[in-house]
N, C-alpha and C. Protein backbone atom coordinates (compact mmCIF):
# COMPACT_ATOMS: atom_id res chain seq x y z
N MET A 1 -7.32 -53.86 15.18
CA MET A 1 -7.98 -52.58 15.25
C MET A 1 -7.12 -51.54 14.54
N THR A 2 -7.73 -50.71 13.71
CA THR A 2 -7.02 -49.70 12.94
C THR A 2 -6.99 -48.40 13.72
N GLU A 3 -5.80 -47.80 13.77
CA GLU A 3 -5.68 -46.49 14.43
C GLU A 3 -6.12 -45.40 13.47
N VAL A 4 -6.85 -44.45 14.00
CA VAL A 4 -7.29 -43.30 13.21
C VAL A 4 -6.46 -42.11 13.65
N SER A 5 -5.83 -41.46 12.68
CA SER A 5 -5.03 -40.29 13.04
C SER A 5 -5.95 -39.11 13.29
N PRO A 6 -5.60 -38.27 14.26
CA PRO A 6 -6.44 -37.11 14.53
C PRO A 6 -6.43 -36.15 13.34
N VAL A 7 -7.56 -35.52 13.12
CA VAL A 7 -7.70 -34.57 12.02
C VAL A 7 -7.93 -33.20 12.63
N THR A 8 -7.14 -32.24 12.21
CA THR A 8 -7.33 -30.88 12.71
C THR A 8 -8.46 -30.21 11.93
N PRO A 9 -9.13 -29.21 12.54
CA PRO A 9 -10.23 -28.54 11.85
C PRO A 9 -9.85 -27.95 10.49
N ASP A 10 -8.61 -27.43 10.35
CA ASP A 10 -8.24 -26.84 9.07
C ASP A 10 -8.03 -27.89 7.99
N GLU A 11 -7.84 -29.16 8.36
CA GLU A 11 -7.75 -30.21 7.36
C GLU A 11 -9.15 -30.58 6.85
N LEU A 12 -10.16 -30.44 7.71
CA LEU A 12 -11.53 -30.71 7.29
C LEU A 12 -12.07 -29.58 6.42
N ASP A 13 -11.77 -28.37 6.80
CA ASP A 13 -12.22 -27.20 6.04
C ASP A 13 -11.06 -26.21 6.01
N PRO A 14 -10.19 -26.33 5.03
CA PRO A 14 -8.98 -25.50 5.01
C PRO A 14 -9.26 -24.06 4.59
N SER A 15 -10.05 -23.37 5.39
CA SER A 15 -10.38 -21.98 5.11
C SER A 15 -10.19 -21.15 6.36
N PRO A 16 -9.55 -20.00 6.23
CA PRO A 16 -9.40 -19.12 7.38
C PRO A 16 -10.74 -18.58 7.84
N VAL A 17 -10.82 -18.26 9.13
CA VAL A 17 -12.01 -17.66 9.70
C VAL A 17 -11.70 -16.20 9.99
N GLY A 18 -12.57 -15.31 9.53
CA GLY A 18 -12.40 -13.89 9.81
C GLY A 18 -11.95 -13.11 8.58
N GLU A 19 -11.65 -11.83 8.81
CA GLU A 19 -11.23 -10.95 7.73
C GLU A 19 -9.70 -10.93 7.63
N LEU A 20 -9.21 -10.81 6.43
CA LEU A 20 -7.76 -10.67 6.24
C LEU A 20 -7.36 -9.30 6.80
N ALA A 21 -6.55 -9.31 7.85
CA ALA A 21 -6.15 -8.06 8.50
C ALA A 21 -4.71 -7.67 8.18
N LEU A 22 -3.87 -8.67 7.82
CA LEU A 22 -2.47 -8.38 7.57
C LEU A 22 -1.89 -9.46 6.67
N ARG A 23 -1.08 -9.05 5.70
CA ARG A 23 -0.37 -9.98 4.83
C ARG A 23 1.06 -9.49 4.69
N VAL A 24 2.03 -10.39 4.91
CA VAL A 24 3.43 -10.01 4.88
C VAL A 24 4.26 -11.21 4.42
N MET A 25 5.40 -10.92 3.81
CA MET A 25 6.30 -12.00 3.40
C MET A 25 7.35 -12.20 4.48
N ALA A 26 7.59 -13.45 4.85
CA ALA A 26 8.62 -13.79 5.82
C ALA A 26 9.99 -13.67 5.17
N MET A 27 10.87 -12.93 5.78
CA MET A 27 12.18 -12.60 5.22
C MET A 27 13.31 -13.26 6.02
N PRO A 28 14.50 -13.37 5.42
CA PRO A 28 15.63 -14.00 6.13
C PRO A 28 15.94 -13.35 7.48
N LYS A 29 15.77 -12.07 7.62
CA LYS A 29 16.06 -11.39 8.89
C LYS A 29 15.12 -11.81 10.02
N ASP A 30 14.03 -12.49 9.69
CA ASP A 30 13.02 -12.89 10.67
C ASP A 30 13.23 -14.32 11.19
N THR A 31 14.36 -14.94 10.85
CA THR A 31 14.57 -16.34 11.21
C THR A 31 15.19 -16.52 12.60
N ASN A 32 15.02 -17.75 13.10
CA ASN A 32 15.68 -18.14 14.35
C ASN A 32 16.98 -18.88 14.00
N ALA A 33 17.63 -19.47 14.99
CA ALA A 33 18.91 -20.14 14.77
C ALA A 33 18.79 -21.36 13.86
N ASN A 34 17.58 -21.92 13.73
CA ASN A 34 17.37 -23.10 12.87
C ASN A 34 17.02 -22.73 11.43
N GLY A 35 16.90 -21.44 11.16
CA GLY A 35 16.57 -21.02 9.81
C GLY A 35 15.08 -20.92 9.53
N ASP A 36 14.26 -21.21 10.52
CA ASP A 36 12.81 -21.05 10.38
C ASP A 36 12.42 -19.67 10.88
N ILE A 37 11.25 -19.23 10.49
CA ILE A 37 10.76 -17.94 10.97
C ILE A 37 10.49 -18.04 12.47
N SER A 38 10.93 -17.06 13.19
CA SER A 38 10.81 -17.02 14.65
C SER A 38 9.35 -16.94 15.09
N GLY A 39 9.02 -17.70 16.14
CA GLY A 39 7.68 -17.62 16.73
C GLY A 39 7.39 -16.23 17.25
N GLY A 40 8.41 -15.57 17.78
CA GLY A 40 8.22 -14.19 18.27
C GLY A 40 7.84 -13.24 17.16
N TRP A 41 8.44 -13.44 15.98
CA TRP A 41 8.09 -12.61 14.83
C TRP A 41 6.63 -12.84 14.45
N LEU A 42 6.19 -14.11 14.49
CA LEU A 42 4.79 -14.40 14.16
C LEU A 42 3.84 -13.75 15.16
N VAL A 43 4.17 -13.80 16.45
CA VAL A 43 3.33 -13.18 17.46
C VAL A 43 3.25 -11.67 17.23
N THR A 44 4.35 -11.06 16.83
CA THR A 44 4.35 -9.63 16.52
C THR A 44 3.38 -9.32 15.37
N GLN A 45 3.37 -10.15 14.35
CA GLN A 45 2.47 -9.95 13.21
C GLN A 45 1.02 -10.11 13.66
N MET A 46 0.77 -11.10 14.52
CA MET A 46 -0.58 -11.34 15.03
C MET A 46 -1.07 -10.15 15.84
N ASP A 47 -0.19 -9.61 16.68
CA ASP A 47 -0.54 -8.46 17.50
C ASP A 47 -0.82 -7.24 16.63
N ALA A 48 -0.04 -7.06 15.58
CA ALA A 48 -0.28 -5.94 14.65
C ALA A 48 -1.63 -6.10 13.96
N ALA A 49 -1.97 -7.31 13.54
CA ALA A 49 -3.26 -7.56 12.88
C ALA A 49 -4.41 -7.26 13.84
N ALA A 50 -4.29 -7.73 15.08
CA ALA A 50 -5.33 -7.47 16.08
C ALA A 50 -5.45 -5.97 16.35
N ALA A 51 -4.33 -5.26 16.39
CA ALA A 51 -4.34 -3.82 16.64
C ALA A 51 -5.05 -3.06 15.52
N ILE A 52 -4.85 -3.48 14.29
CA ILE A 52 -5.52 -2.84 13.16
C ILE A 52 -7.03 -2.92 13.33
N VAL A 53 -7.51 -4.10 13.68
CA VAL A 53 -8.96 -4.30 13.86
C VAL A 53 -9.45 -3.54 15.10
N ALA A 54 -8.71 -3.66 16.21
CA ALA A 54 -9.12 -3.00 17.45
C ALA A 54 -9.19 -1.49 17.31
N ASN A 55 -8.18 -0.89 16.68
CA ASN A 55 -8.17 0.57 16.51
C ASN A 55 -9.33 1.05 15.65
N ARG A 56 -9.67 0.26 14.64
CA ARG A 56 -10.80 0.63 13.78
C ARG A 56 -12.11 0.60 14.59
N ILE A 57 -12.30 -0.46 15.36
CA ILE A 57 -13.53 -0.59 16.16
C ILE A 57 -13.59 0.49 17.23
N ALA A 58 -12.46 0.74 17.89
CA ALA A 58 -12.42 1.72 18.98
C ALA A 58 -12.42 3.16 18.47
N LYS A 59 -12.22 3.33 17.16
CA LYS A 59 -12.12 4.66 16.57
C LYS A 59 -11.04 5.48 17.29
N GLY A 60 -9.92 4.83 17.52
CA GLY A 60 -8.82 5.51 18.20
C GLY A 60 -7.86 4.50 18.80
N ARG A 61 -7.15 4.97 19.77
CA ARG A 61 -6.04 4.22 20.36
C ARG A 61 -6.54 3.02 21.19
N THR A 62 -5.77 1.93 21.11
CA THR A 62 -6.03 0.73 21.91
C THR A 62 -4.69 0.18 22.39
N THR A 63 -4.76 -0.78 23.29
CA THR A 63 -3.55 -1.46 23.72
C THR A 63 -3.86 -2.92 24.00
N THR A 64 -2.86 -3.76 23.85
CA THR A 64 -2.98 -5.19 24.14
C THR A 64 -3.04 -5.38 25.66
N MET A 65 -4.06 -6.11 26.12
CA MET A 65 -4.17 -6.41 27.55
C MET A 65 -3.74 -7.84 27.85
N ALA A 66 -4.01 -8.76 26.92
CA ALA A 66 -3.67 -10.17 27.15
C ALA A 66 -3.62 -10.91 25.83
N VAL A 67 -2.86 -11.99 25.83
CA VAL A 67 -2.79 -12.88 24.68
C VAL A 67 -3.01 -14.29 25.20
N GLY A 68 -3.92 -15.02 24.54
CA GLY A 68 -4.22 -16.38 24.97
C GLY A 68 -3.16 -17.37 24.53
N GLU A 69 -3.38 -18.59 24.93
CA GLU A 69 -2.48 -19.69 24.62
C GLU A 69 -2.41 -19.95 23.12
N MET A 70 -1.22 -20.37 22.66
CA MET A 70 -1.09 -20.72 21.25
C MET A 70 -0.10 -21.85 21.09
N SER A 71 -0.29 -22.61 20.03
CA SER A 71 0.64 -23.68 19.65
C SER A 71 0.99 -23.47 18.20
N PHE A 72 2.26 -23.66 17.88
CA PHE A 72 2.70 -23.55 16.50
C PHE A 72 2.66 -24.95 15.90
N VAL A 73 1.77 -25.17 14.92
CA VAL A 73 1.57 -26.52 14.39
C VAL A 73 2.48 -26.85 13.22
N ARG A 74 3.09 -25.85 12.60
CA ARG A 74 4.07 -26.11 11.53
C ARG A 74 4.99 -24.91 11.40
N PRO A 75 6.20 -25.14 10.94
CA PRO A 75 7.15 -24.03 10.78
C PRO A 75 6.81 -23.17 9.57
N VAL A 76 7.25 -21.94 9.62
CA VAL A 76 7.11 -21.01 8.51
C VAL A 76 8.49 -20.83 7.90
N LYS A 77 8.59 -20.98 6.61
CA LYS A 77 9.86 -20.86 5.90
C LYS A 77 10.04 -19.46 5.32
N VAL A 78 11.29 -19.08 5.13
CA VAL A 78 11.60 -17.81 4.48
C VAL A 78 10.93 -17.79 3.10
N GLY A 79 10.35 -16.66 2.75
CA GLY A 79 9.68 -16.51 1.46
C GLY A 79 8.20 -16.83 1.50
N SER A 80 7.73 -17.40 2.62
CA SER A 80 6.30 -17.70 2.76
C SER A 80 5.50 -16.41 2.87
N VAL A 81 4.31 -16.43 2.30
CA VAL A 81 3.38 -15.32 2.49
C VAL A 81 2.55 -15.66 3.72
N VAL A 82 2.64 -14.81 4.73
CA VAL A 82 1.97 -15.02 6.01
C VAL A 82 0.75 -14.11 6.06
N CYS A 83 -0.41 -14.71 6.31
CA CYS A 83 -1.66 -13.96 6.37
C CYS A 83 -2.28 -14.11 7.75
N CYS A 84 -2.68 -13.00 8.35
CA CYS A 84 -3.36 -13.00 9.64
C CYS A 84 -4.82 -12.63 9.43
N TYR A 85 -5.70 -13.53 9.87
CA TYR A 85 -7.14 -13.33 9.76
C TYR A 85 -7.70 -13.04 11.15
N ALA A 86 -8.57 -12.04 11.23
CA ALA A 86 -9.09 -11.58 12.51
C ALA A 86 -10.60 -11.74 12.57
N LYS A 87 -11.07 -12.20 13.73
CA LYS A 87 -12.50 -12.30 13.98
C LYS A 87 -12.77 -11.81 15.40
N VAL A 88 -13.60 -10.78 15.53
CA VAL A 88 -13.98 -10.28 16.85
C VAL A 88 -14.96 -11.28 17.45
N THR A 89 -14.62 -11.78 18.63
CA THR A 89 -15.46 -12.80 19.26
C THR A 89 -16.28 -12.26 20.42
N HIS A 90 -15.89 -11.10 20.95
CA HIS A 90 -16.64 -10.51 22.07
C HIS A 90 -16.33 -9.02 22.16
N MET A 91 -17.38 -8.25 22.44
CA MET A 91 -17.23 -6.81 22.67
C MET A 91 -17.75 -6.51 24.06
N GLY A 92 -16.92 -5.86 24.88
CA GLY A 92 -17.35 -5.41 26.20
C GLY A 92 -17.55 -3.91 26.19
N ARG A 93 -17.60 -3.32 27.36
CA ARG A 93 -17.79 -1.87 27.46
C ARG A 93 -16.52 -1.13 27.05
N THR A 94 -15.35 -1.67 27.43
CA THR A 94 -14.07 -1.01 27.13
C THR A 94 -13.11 -1.91 26.36
N SER A 95 -13.43 -3.19 26.27
CA SER A 95 -12.49 -4.15 25.68
C SER A 95 -13.13 -5.01 24.62
N MET A 96 -12.29 -5.71 23.88
CA MET A 96 -12.76 -6.65 22.86
C MET A 96 -11.81 -7.83 22.79
N ARG A 97 -12.37 -8.95 22.38
CA ARG A 97 -11.59 -10.17 22.18
C ARG A 97 -11.54 -10.43 20.68
N ILE A 98 -10.32 -10.62 20.17
CA ILE A 98 -10.12 -10.82 18.74
C ILE A 98 -9.33 -12.09 18.53
N ASN A 99 -9.91 -13.04 17.80
CA ASN A 99 -9.18 -14.26 17.48
C ASN A 99 -8.38 -14.02 16.20
N ILE A 100 -7.11 -14.36 16.25
CA ILE A 100 -6.23 -14.21 15.09
C ILE A 100 -5.76 -15.59 14.65
N GLU A 101 -6.01 -15.91 13.39
CA GLU A 101 -5.49 -17.14 12.78
C GLU A 101 -4.36 -16.75 11.83
N VAL A 102 -3.28 -17.52 11.86
CA VAL A 102 -2.16 -17.30 10.94
C VAL A 102 -2.14 -18.45 9.94
N TRP A 103 -2.16 -18.09 8.68
CA TRP A 103 -2.07 -19.05 7.58
C TRP A 103 -0.89 -18.64 6.72
N CYS A 104 -0.22 -19.61 6.13
CA CYS A 104 0.88 -19.25 5.23
C CYS A 104 0.87 -20.15 4.00
N ARG A 105 1.47 -19.60 2.97
CA ARG A 105 1.67 -20.33 1.72
C ARG A 105 3.16 -20.26 1.43
N ARG A 106 3.78 -21.43 1.41
CA ARG A 106 5.21 -21.49 1.11
C ARG A 106 5.42 -21.21 -0.37
N PRO A 107 6.60 -20.70 -0.73
CA PRO A 107 6.84 -20.36 -2.14
C PRO A 107 6.65 -21.55 -3.09
N GLU A 108 6.98 -22.75 -2.63
CA GLU A 108 6.90 -23.92 -3.50
C GLU A 108 5.52 -24.60 -3.47
N ASP A 109 4.59 -24.13 -2.64
CA ASP A 109 3.28 -24.78 -2.49
C ASP A 109 2.16 -23.96 -3.10
N GLU A 110 1.11 -24.66 -3.49
CA GLU A 110 -0.10 -24.01 -3.98
C GLU A 110 -1.14 -23.85 -2.88
N VAL A 111 -0.99 -24.62 -1.82
CA VAL A 111 -2.01 -24.68 -0.77
C VAL A 111 -1.54 -23.90 0.46
N ARG A 112 -2.43 -23.10 1.03
CA ARG A 112 -2.09 -22.41 2.27
C ARG A 112 -2.36 -23.36 3.44
N GLN A 113 -1.61 -23.16 4.51
CA GLN A 113 -1.72 -24.02 5.68
C GLN A 113 -1.81 -23.16 6.93
N LYS A 114 -2.62 -23.63 7.88
CA LYS A 114 -2.74 -22.93 9.15
C LYS A 114 -1.50 -23.18 9.99
N VAL A 115 -0.99 -22.11 10.60
CA VAL A 115 0.23 -22.18 11.39
C VAL A 115 -0.08 -22.12 12.89
N THR A 116 -0.94 -21.19 13.28
CA THR A 116 -1.29 -21.00 14.69
C THR A 116 -2.50 -20.10 14.80
N GLU A 117 -3.01 -19.98 16.00
CA GLU A 117 -4.07 -19.00 16.30
C GLU A 117 -4.02 -18.68 17.78
N ALA A 118 -4.57 -17.52 18.13
CA ALA A 118 -4.63 -17.10 19.53
C ALA A 118 -5.66 -16.00 19.67
N GLU A 119 -6.13 -15.84 20.89
CA GLU A 119 -7.05 -14.76 21.21
C GLU A 119 -6.27 -13.59 21.79
N PHE A 120 -6.54 -12.40 21.28
CA PHE A 120 -5.93 -11.17 21.78
C PHE A 120 -7.03 -10.33 22.42
N ILE A 121 -6.76 -9.83 23.60
CA ILE A 121 -7.71 -8.95 24.28
C ILE A 121 -7.14 -7.54 24.22
N TYR A 122 -7.92 -6.65 23.67
CA TYR A 122 -7.54 -5.24 23.52
C TYR A 122 -8.49 -4.38 24.31
N VAL A 123 -7.98 -3.26 24.81
CA VAL A 123 -8.79 -2.29 25.53
C VAL A 123 -8.59 -0.92 24.87
N ALA A 124 -9.67 -0.15 24.82
CA ALA A 124 -9.60 1.21 24.27
C ALA A 124 -8.99 2.12 25.33
N ILE A 125 -8.10 3.03 24.88
CA ILE A 125 -7.48 3.99 25.80
C ILE A 125 -7.56 5.40 25.23
N ASP A 126 -7.46 6.38 26.11
CA ASP A 126 -7.50 7.78 25.67
C ASP A 126 -6.08 8.32 25.52
N GLU A 127 -5.98 9.64 25.31
CA GLU A 127 -4.68 10.26 25.08
C GLU A 127 -3.75 10.17 26.30
N GLN A 128 -4.35 10.04 27.50
CA GLN A 128 -3.55 9.90 28.72
C GLN A 128 -3.31 8.43 29.07
N ARG A 129 -3.64 7.55 28.13
CA ARG A 129 -3.47 6.09 28.27
C ARG A 129 -4.33 5.50 29.38
N ARG A 130 -5.49 6.12 29.62
CA ARG A 130 -6.46 5.58 30.58
C ARG A 130 -7.53 4.84 29.79
N ILE A 131 -8.07 3.80 30.39
CA ILE A 131 -9.12 3.01 29.74
C ILE A 131 -10.33 3.89 29.51
N ARG A 132 -10.92 3.75 28.33
CA ARG A 132 -12.12 4.51 27.97
C ARG A 132 -13.15 3.57 27.34
N PRO A 133 -14.42 3.99 27.33
CA PRO A 133 -15.45 3.13 26.72
C PRO A 133 -15.28 3.06 25.21
N LEU A 134 -15.67 1.93 24.65
CA LEU A 134 -15.73 1.80 23.20
C LEU A 134 -16.89 2.63 22.69
N PRO A 135 -16.79 3.19 21.49
CA PRO A 135 -17.90 3.98 20.95
C PRO A 135 -19.12 3.09 20.68
N LYS A 136 -20.29 3.67 20.82
CA LYS A 136 -21.53 2.97 20.47
C LYS A 136 -21.65 2.94 18.96
N GLU A 137 -22.14 1.85 18.44
CA GLU A 137 -22.25 1.75 16.98
C GLU A 137 -23.45 2.43 16.42
């Protein structure tokens, strides 16, 4: 019997889902002790991308309420171009769910690869940092 290796969705269709919300180059200062880009740095970029989308939708200030589970499927090397793609998956009265996919292209590669993804939940807030309704479209 032949074993079949599992195929990830990005191998079947290597295309990001959502709008490009943030693009940044990974720099040496962003590395961990092993010389790879830190997972914490990636999460920061993802949160910034989600905030850009959330603030636009809310027409004002928002804040992160929760971040879903994530797995890092491959390391990011210094010099890689890291792209965060955002897709709003749910809109509530005061909050929204935004899926963020991280894709990168290493300096020596022609092909971009998916690194991780997670759901970010954002809530609209007012000047006193109290929850407020999202504007009607």
